[in-house]
Amino acid sequence: MSQKPRPLVLDEAELLRRGFGKRPEFGAYVADAGTGSLAGMVVHYEIPFMHTLQPLLMLKWLYVDPECRGGRVGQRLMRQMALHARATGHERFCWFVLNDNVLAHSFYRGLGATEDPEWRRWIMPTNALNRLVEGAE
């Protein structure tokens, strides 16, 4: 059971500032559907350094329009990410996938990707964050 896609809500000015300003915080590649709309896109960013003291390239979002799925758009976008990784000196890149997104798991495995056995994602939820801020035990 995969999660329904959430609508994309962007403020154009903020997008332009953060992605295309003097110090871009992210990059993106798009696939043109040839009809004046996008077939898909992949968004990436870099974490300046990790435990290895090396930067880590993160895939933030891979999206393929449902009308274009099955047409190798996702594979082409992932290939572009691999080319970008190589061009920027990264030997790998990482991303998160929701546990219940079985179709994405299958797609990524088909490309040769593997789940990271060393890391688990942790979250500080609002109630715990508030307790920390307030100094409560």
C-alpha atoms as a PDB file:
ATOM      1  CA  MET A   1       0.000   0.000   0.000  1.00  0.00           C
ATOM      2  CA  SER A   2       1.685   3.197  -1.124  1.00  0.00           C
ATOM      3  CA  GLN A   3       0.980   6.647   0.175  1.00  0.00           C
ATOM      4  CA  LYS A   4      -0.956   9.086  -2.021  1.00  0.00           C
ATOM      5  CA  PRO A   5       1.243  11.857  -3.418  1.00  0.00           C
ATOM      6  CA  ARG A   6       0.920  15.154  -1.611  1.00  0.00           C
ATOM      7  CA  PRO A   7       0.202  18.270  -3.667  1.00  0.00           C
ATOM      8  CA  LEU A   8       3.271  20.337  -4.456  1.00  0.00           C
ATOM      9  CA  VAL A   9       2.980  23.797  -2.911  1.00  0.00           C
ATOM     10  CA  LEU A  10       5.809  26.217  -3.624  1.00  0.00           C
ATOM     11  CA  ASP A  11       6.282  29.941  -3.307  1.00  0.00           C
ATOM     12  CA  GLU A  12       8.061  30.983  -6.516  1.00  0.00           C
ATOM     13  CA  ALA A  13      10.159  33.715  -4.907  1.00  0.00           C
ATOM     14  CA  GLU A  14      11.389  31.382  -2.158  1.00  0.00           C
ATOM     15  CA  LEU A  15      12.101  28.632  -4.669  1.00  0.00           C
ATOM     16  CA  LEU A  16      14.139  30.994  -6.828  1.00  0.00           C
ATOM     17  CA  ARG A  17      16.051  32.398  -3.845  1.00  0.00           C
ATOM     18  CA  ARG A  18      16.851  29.055  -2.250  1.00  0.00           C
ATOM     19  CA  GLY A  19      17.534  27.064  -5.404  1.00  0.00           C
ATOM     20  CA  PHE A  20      18.908  29.592  -7.831  1.00  0.00           C
ATOM     21  CA  GLY A  21      20.374  32.351  -5.671  1.00  0.00           C
ATOM     22  CA  LYS A  22      24.016  33.112  -4.868  1.00  0.00           C
ATOM     23  CA  ARG A  23      24.362  29.986  -2.722  1.00  0.00           C
ATOM     24  CA  PRO A  24      21.897  27.359  -3.985  1.00  0.00           C
ATOM     25  CA  GLU A  25      20.645  25.047  -1.229  1.00  0.00           C
ATOM     26  CA  PHE A  26      19.442  22.409  -3.666  1.00  0.00           C
ATOM     27  CA  GLY A  27      19.509  21.387  -7.291  1.00  0.00           C
ATOM     28  CA  ALA A  28      17.031  19.676  -9.552  1.00  0.00           C
ATOM     29  CA  TYR A  29      16.753  17.878 -12.855  1.00  0.00           C
ATOM     30  CA  VAL A  30      13.501  17.730 -14.753  1.00  0.00           C
ATOM     31  CA  ALA A  31      12.088  15.506 -17.471  1.00  0.00           C
ATOM     32  CA  ASP A  32      10.023  17.384 -20.048  1.00  0.00           C
ATOM     33  CA  ALA A  33       6.869  15.599 -21.141  1.00  0.00           C
ATOM     34  CA  GLY A  34       6.939  17.556 -24.409  1.00  0.00           C
ATOM     35  CA  THR A  35       3.448  18.889 -23.786  1.00  0.00           C
ATOM     36  CA  GLY A  36       4.311  21.979 -21.792  1.00  0.00           C
ATOM     37  CA  SER A  37       4.342  19.982 -18.555  1.00  0.00           C
ATOM     38  CA  LEU A  38       6.845  17.959 -16.596  1.00  0.00           C
ATOM     39  CA  ALA A  39       7.054  14.190 -16.832  1.00  0.00           C
ATOM     40  CA  GLY A  40       9.082  14.114 -13.627  1.00  0.00           C
ATOM     41  CA  MET A  41      11.819  15.633 -11.535  1.00  0.00           C
ATOM     42  CA  VAL A  42      14.504  14.769  -9.059  1.00  0.00           C
ATOM     43  CA  VAL A  43      15.610  17.199  -6.339  1.00  0.00           C
ATOM     44  CA  HIS A  44      18.911  16.874  -4.495  1.00  0.00           C
ATOM     45  CA  TYR A  45      20.933  18.634  -1.816  1.00  0.00           C
ATOM     46  CA  GLU A  46      24.251  18.124  -0.073  1.00  0.00           C
ATOM     47  CA  ILE A  47      24.956  17.655   3.621  1.00  0.00           C
ATOM     48  CA  PRO A  48      28.314  19.456   4.067  1.00  0.00           C
ATOM     49  CA  PHE A  49      29.912  16.647   6.055  1.00  0.00           C
ATOM     50  CA  MET A  50      28.975  13.514   7.882  1.00  0.00           C
ATOM     51  CA  HIS A  51      30.792  11.185  10.283  1.00  0.00           C
ATOM     52  CA  THR A  52      33.332  10.531   7.508  1.00  0.00           C
ATOM     53  CA  LEU A  53      34.052  14.273   7.244  1.00  0.00           C
ATOM     54  CA  GLN A  54      33.018  14.012   3.589  1.00  0.00           C
ATOM     55  CA  PRO A  55      29.958  15.656   2.038  1.00  0.00           C
ATOM     56  CA  LEU A  56      26.930  13.451   1.432  1.00  0.00           C
ATOM     57  CA  LEU A  57      24.709  13.840  -1.609  1.00  0.00           C
ATOM     58  CA  MET A  58      21.052  13.347  -0.760  1.00  0.00           C
ATOM     59  CA  LEU A  59      18.203  12.705  -3.141  1.00  0.00           C
ATOM     60  CA  LYS A  60      15.349  14.657  -1.592  1.00  0.00           C
ATOM     61  CA  TRP A  61      12.567  13.824  -3.977  1.00  0.00           C
ATOM     62  CA  LEU A  62      12.005  11.736  -7.085  1.00  0.00           C
ATOM     63  CA  TYR A  63       8.639  12.318  -8.703  1.00  0.00           C
ATOM     64  CA  VAL A  64       7.266  10.932 -11.954  1.00  0.00           C
ATOM     65  CA  ASP A  65       3.850  12.019 -13.159  1.00  0.00           C
ATOM     66  CA  PRO A  66       1.480   9.036 -12.934  1.00  0.00           C
ATOM     67  CA  GLU A  67       0.689   9.431 -16.652  1.00  0.00           C
ATOM     68  CA  CYS A  68       4.381   8.936 -17.462  1.00  0.00           C
ATOM     69  CA  ARG A  69       5.186   6.041 -15.150  1.00  0.00           C
ATOM     70  CA  GLY A  70       6.453   2.900 -16.836  1.00  0.00           C
ATOM     71  CA  GLY A  71       8.159   4.949 -19.553  1.00  0.00           C
ATOM     72  CA  ARG A  72      11.662   4.895 -18.016  1.00  0.00           C
ATOM     73  CA  VAL A  73      11.413   8.532 -16.835  1.00  0.00           C
ATOM     74  CA  GLY A  74      12.372   7.523 -13.291  1.00  0.00           C
ATOM     75  CA  GLN A  75      15.337   5.531 -14.559  1.00  0.00           C
ATOM     76  CA  ARG A  76      16.549   8.468 -16.632  1.00  0.00           C
ATOM     77  CA  LEU A  77      16.245  10.824 -13.672  1.00  0.00           C
ATOM     78  CA  MET A  78      18.135   8.409 -11.417  1.00  0.00           C
ATOM     79  CA  ARG A  79      20.828   8.106 -14.103  1.00  0.00           C
ATOM     80  CA  GLN A  80      21.084  11.898 -14.125  1.00  0.00           C
ATOM     81  CA  MET A  81      21.539  11.799 -10.346  1.00  0.00           C
ATOM     82  CA  ALA A  82      24.328   9.237 -10.783  1.00  0.00           C
ATOM     83  CA  LEU A  83      26.007  11.471 -13.388  1.00  0.00           C
ATOM     84  CA  HIS A  84      25.670  14.448 -11.055  1.00  0.00           C
ATOM     85  CA  ALA A  85      27.162  12.436  -8.192  1.00  0.00           C
ATOM     86  CA  ARG A  86      30.179  11.509 -10.278  1.00  0.00           C
ATOM     87  CA  ALA A  87      30.601  15.053 -11.623  1.00  0.00           C
ATOM     88  CA  THR A  88      30.590  16.497  -8.097  1.00  0.00           C
ATOM     89  CA  GLY A  89      32.992  13.937  -6.615  1.00  0.00           C
ATOM     90  CA  HIS A  90      30.500  11.729  -4.775  1.00  0.00           C
ATOM     91  CA  GLU A  91      30.849   7.956  -4.841  1.00  0.00           C
ATOM     92  CA  ARG A  92      27.226   7.441  -3.784  1.00  0.00           C
ATOM     93  CA  PHE A  93      24.020   9.221  -2.871  1.00  0.00           C
ATOM     94  CA  CYS A  94      21.300   8.443  -0.345  1.00  0.00           C
ATOM     95  CA  TRP A  95      17.575   8.977   0.183  1.00  0.00           C
ATOM     96  CA  PHE A  96      14.647   7.996   2.374  1.00  0.00           C
ATOM     97  CA  VAL A  97      11.659   5.910   1.311  1.00  0.00           C
ATOM     98  CA  LEU A  98       8.479   5.463   3.309  1.00  0.00           C
ATOM     99  CA  ASN A  99       8.131   1.932   4.695  1.00  0.00           C
ATOM    100  CA  ASP A 100       4.815   1.342   2.962  1.00  0.00           C
ATOM    101  CA  ASN A 101       5.894   2.590  -0.478  1.00  0.00           C
ATOM    102  CA  VAL A 102       6.334  -0.893  -1.909  1.00  0.00           C
ATOM    103  CA  LEU A 103       6.407   0.294  -5.526  1.00  0.00           C
ATOM    104  CA  ALA A 104       9.307   2.638  -4.782  1.00  0.00           C
ATOM    105  CA  HIS A 105      11.188  -0.129  -2.940  1.00  0.00           C
ATOM    106  CA  SER A 106      10.811  -2.368  -5.979  1.00  0.00           C
ATOM    107  CA  PHE A 107      11.851   0.382  -8.395  1.00  0.00           C
ATOM    108  CA  TYR A 108      14.999   1.238  -6.436  1.00  0.00           C
ATOM    109  CA  ARG A 109      15.971  -2.412  -5.946  1.00  0.00           C
ATOM    110  CA  GLY A 110      15.593  -2.879  -9.697  1.00  0.00           C
ATOM    111  CA  LEU A 111      18.217  -0.174 -10.182  1.00  0.00           C
ATOM    112  CA  GLY A 112      20.596  -1.991  -7.823  1.00  0.00           C
ATOM    113  CA  ALA A 113      20.035   0.236  -4.792  1.00  0.00           C
ATOM    114  CA  THR A 114      20.076  -1.297  -1.321  1.00  0.00           C
ATOM    115  CA  GLU A 115      18.699  -0.302   2.055  1.00  0.00           C
ATOM    116  CA  ASP A 116      21.327   1.140   4.380  1.00  0.00           C
ATOM    117  CA  PRO A 117      21.914  -1.445   7.124  1.00  0.00           C
ATOM    118  CA  GLU A 118      23.877   0.959   9.327  1.00  0.00           C
ATOM    119  CA  TRP A 119      21.463   3.829   9.862  1.00  0.00           C
ATOM    120  CA  ARG A 120      17.964   4.265  11.213  1.00  0.00           C
ATOM    121  CA  ARG A 121      16.117   7.534  10.943  1.00  0.00           C
ATOM    122  CA  TRP A 122      15.114   9.098  14.282  1.00  0.00           C
ATOM    123  CA  ILE A 123      12.586  11.863  14.829  1.00  0.00           C
ATOM    124  CA  MET A 124      12.176  14.327  17.683  1.00  0.00           C
ATOM    125  CA  PRO A 125       8.380  14.796  17.761  1.00  0.00           C
ATOM    126  CA  THR A 126       6.794  18.069  18.851  1.00  0.00           C
ATOM    127  CA  ASN A 127       5.858  16.932  22.364  1.00  0.00           C
ATOM    128  CA  ALA A 128       9.389  15.698  23.112  1.00  0.00           C
ATOM    129  CA  LEU A 129      10.908  18.806  21.552  1.00  0.00           C
ATOM    130  CA  ASN A 130       8.702  20.981  23.762  1.00  0.00           C
ATOM    131  CA  ARG A 131       9.759  19.019  26.877  1.00  0.00           C
ATOM    132  CA  LEU A 132      13.417  19.542  25.995  1.00  0.00           C
ATOM    133  CA  VAL A 133      12.922  23.246  25.416  1.00  0.00           C
ATOM    134  CA  GLU A 134      11.063  23.614  28.694  1.00  0.00           C
ATOM    135  CA  GLY A 135      13.698  21.588  30.562  1.00  0.00           C
ATOM    136  CA  ALA A 136      11.185  18.973  31.707  1.00  0.00           C
ATOM    137  CA  GLU A 137      12.485  15.509  32.484  1.00  0.00           C
END
